[in-house]
Amino acid sequence: MDDTGPGMFMVVVWLVFIVVVIASIWRVFEKAGKPGWAALIPIYNVYVLIKIAGKPGWWLLLCLIPLVNIVVLIIVYIALAENFGKGVGFALGLIFLSFIFFPMLAWGNAVYNPKPIT
């Protein structure tokens, strides 16, 4: 008996999941006036996300430090939510359930209104 059916189904589900997440980040970048293709480039996509959040680009270096990167990305996600006119609850959603909240940010009615770099 061939058991590749369930395994292949999970691969397809996982690929769809990945495509939706990448497309969501791509759309968020475009909403913020940045190139969408930047979502595909490792490390550069974090830099662009930091800039969209209104934080200085050198914070990318902080993202390379273990444990510090967690704190930095939490701050970046909170600032990202604020720049799209969302509150702390949405920021918590981005932090803990980003695969749900990035699509909401991408295809919802959120408008990018950047705050000055702090």
Foldseek 3Di string as FASTA:
>chain_A
DDDCVVVVVVVVVVVVLVVLLLVLLLLLCVLLVHHSCLSVDPLSSVLSLQVLLQEDSVCSVLCVDPPSVLVSVLSSLQSNCVQQVHHPVLSVCCSPPVSPSSNCSRPPPGHGHHDHRD
